[in-house]
Amino acid sequence: MDTVTNVPELGRCSAQVVHNRFSSRLLKIFCESPRTIPAASIRLRHEPTGQVWLQRLNSSVTYNPGPYRTWWASLDRAQSFFHLSESEISGPGTQWLVPAAYLSASRIEITAEIHAGRSVVHFQLPKVNLDDKTDR
């Protein structure tokens, strides 16, 4: 599932299977853009079963006491990971494990969370008396 595509509002995103430092297999979703990457949700959907795994872009950030971005890099980067298992596992606590055999029939959906702004809303609180001093 080594794939690279342009995702609207996010930039260039890729998906590939990698190994972590404990040799566990992970599906890595990686995006980069010359603009700041907004928050985004990721859905990994297995088409035959309809099973869905959810993740957020940059939800797998490791704490690092130094600078988060390098000052010479012109690209903003974000990533996330799905943990892969070698078998179909079910039961409590396994809902985040994706069977590796499912990847060939799975679809990745990445949706940027676009903030529309703020607005002022006028409303009335008819039974609230702000001058009532009995509460003191």
Protein backbone atom coordinates (compact mmCIF):
# COMPACT_ATOMS: atom_id res chain seq x y z
CA MET A 1 0.00 0.00 0.00
CA ASP A 2 2.78 2.45 -0.90
CA THR A 3 0.70 5.34 -2.21
CA VAL A 4 1.28 9.08 -2.74
CA THR A 5 -1.52 11.51 -3.57
CA ASN A 6 -2.46 15.17 -3.26
CA VAL A 7 -5.13 15.75 -0.61
CA PRO A 8 -7.09 19.04 -0.83
CA GLU A 9 -6.30 21.46 2.01
CA LEU A 10 -3.53 19.19 3.35
CA GLY A 11 -0.88 18.75 0.69
CA ARG A 12 0.95 15.68 -0.52
CA CYS A 13 0.18 12.58 1.55
CA SER A 14 1.62 9.08 1.44
CA ALA A 15 0.84 5.72 3.02
CA GLN A 16 3.33 2.94 3.55
CA VAL A 17 4.00 0.00 5.83
CA VAL A 18 6.95 0.62 8.16
CA HIS A 19 8.47 -1.01 11.25
CA ASN A 20 8.79 0.68 14.63
CA ARG A 21 11.78 0.26 16.93
CA PHE A 22 10.26 -2.94 18.36
CA SER A 23 9.92 -4.44 14.83
CA SER A 24 6.13 -4.16 14.89
CA ARG A 25 4.51 -3.32 11.57
CA LEU A 26 2.64 -0.02 11.23
CA LEU A 27 0.73 1.70 8.47
CA LYS A 28 2.24 5.19 8.34
CA ILE A 29 0.24 8.11 6.94
CA PHE A 30 2.53 11.07 6.21
CA CYS A 31 1.57 14.50 4.82
CA GLU A 32 3.68 17.51 3.89
CA SER A 33 2.79 20.95 2.61
CA PRO A 34 4.39 24.39 2.13
CA ARG A 35 1.45 25.74 4.19
CA THR A 36 0.55 24.90 7.79
CA ILE A 37 -1.27 21.57 7.86
CA PRO A 38 -4.62 21.82 9.67
CA ALA A 39 -6.01 19.19 12.02
CA ALA A 40 -7.39 16.23 10.08
CA SER A 41 -9.16 12.96 10.69
CA ILE A 42 -8.14 9.69 9.05
CA ARG A 43 -10.42 6.73 8.38
CA LEU A 44 -9.05 3.39 7.31
CA ARG A 45 -12.02 1.49 5.87
CA HIS A 46 -11.94 -2.21 4.97
CA GLU A 47 -14.40 -2.35 2.06
CA PRO A 48 -15.50 -6.05 2.25
CA THR A 49 -16.39 -5.98 5.97
CA GLY A 50 -17.17 -2.27 6.40
CA GLN A 51 -14.90 -2.16 9.45
CA VAL A 52 -13.44 1.29 10.13
CA TRP A 53 -10.41 2.39 12.17
CA LEU A 54 -10.11 6.05 13.15
CA GLN A 55 -7.03 8.16 13.75
CA ARG A 56 -6.11 11.83 13.79
CA LEU A 57 -3.22 13.36 11.89
CA ASN A 58 -0.34 13.95 14.33
CA SER A 59 -2.01 11.90 17.06
CA SER A 60 1.13 9.78 17.31
CA VAL A 61 3.56 12.59 18.12
CA THR A 62 6.34 11.56 20.48
CA TYR A 63 7.33 14.07 23.15
CA ASN A 64 10.61 15.70 22.27
CA PRO A 65 12.07 18.36 24.59
CA GLY A 66 13.72 20.22 21.68
CA PRO A 67 12.33 22.26 18.77
CA TYR A 68 9.38 20.61 17.03
CA ARG A 69 10.22 21.83 13.53
CA THR A 70 13.56 22.41 11.91
CA TRP A 71 14.10 26.06 11.03
CA TRP A 72 15.55 25.29 7.60
CA ALA A 73 12.67 23.11 6.41
CA SER A 74 10.20 24.88 4.13
CA LEU A 75 7.56 22.13 4.47
CA ASP A 76 5.12 21.51 7.29
CA ARG A 77 4.85 17.79 8.10
CA ALA A 78 2.27 15.65 9.91
CA GLN A 79 1.92 11.91 10.36
CA SER A 80 -0.06 9.17 12.05
CA PHE A 81 0.13 5.39 12.43
CA PHE A 82 -2.20 2.40 12.46
CA HIS A 83 -0.90 -0.71 14.28
CA LEU A 84 -1.00 -3.86 12.15
CA SER A 85 -1.57 -7.41 13.38
CA GLU A 86 -0.70 -10.62 11.58
CA SER A 87 -4.09 -12.17 12.33
CA GLU A 88 -7.71 -11.15 12.77
CA ILE A 89 -8.04 -10.44 16.47
CA SER A 90 -11.27 -9.55 18.21
CA GLY A 91 -12.15 -8.76 21.78
CA PRO A 92 -11.76 -5.96 24.28
CA GLY A 93 -8.73 -3.77 23.70
CA THR A 94 -8.05 -4.89 20.13
CA GLN A 95 -10.20 -2.37 18.24
CA TRP A 96 -7.12 -0.36 17.20
CA LEU A 97 -5.32 -3.34 15.62
CA VAL A 98 -5.70 -3.61 11.84
CA PRO A 99 -5.20 -7.07 10.28
CA ALA A 100 -2.36 -6.65 7.76
CA ALA A 101 -4.22 -8.87 5.29
CA TYR A 102 -6.99 -6.23 5.16
CA LEU A 103 -4.74 -3.52 3.66
CA SER A 104 -5.07 -4.65 0.05
CA ALA A 105 -8.87 -4.15 0.18
CA SER A 106 -8.84 -1.01 2.34
CA ARG A 107 -9.42 2.64 1.59
CA ILE A 108 -7.83 5.61 3.36
CA GLU A 109 -9.95 8.74 3.81
CA ILE A 110 -8.26 11.92 5.07
CA THR A 111 -10.47 14.89 5.88
CA ALA A 112 -9.09 18.29 6.87
CA GLU A 113 -10.96 20.10 9.61
CA ILE A 114 -11.50 23.56 8.16
CA HIS A 115 -12.30 26.22 10.73
CA ALA A 116 -14.98 28.54 9.39
CA GLY A 117 -14.38 31.23 11.98
CA ARG A 118 -16.39 32.60 14.86
CA SER A 119 -19.76 34.26 15.16
CA VAL A 120 -21.72 36.17 17.77
CA VAL A 121 -25.04 34.66 18.72
CA HIS A 122 -27.80 36.64 20.42
CA PHE A 123 -29.95 34.71 22.86
CA GLN A 124 -32.20 35.37 25.84
CA LEU A 125 -32.19 33.89 29.32
CA PRO A 126 -35.71 34.86 30.46
CA LYS A 127 -35.62 33.34 33.96
CA VAL A 128 -32.19 34.57 34.99
CA ASN A 129 -32.01 37.74 37.06
CA LEU A 130 -28.49 39.12 37.13
CA ASP A 131 -29.45 41.72 39.78
CA ASP A 132 -30.61 39.13 42.30
CA LYS A 133 -28.39 39.47 45.40
CA THR A 134 -29.95 36.64 47.38
CA ASP A 135 -27.24 34.19 46.27
CA ARG A 136 -24.54 36.02 48.26
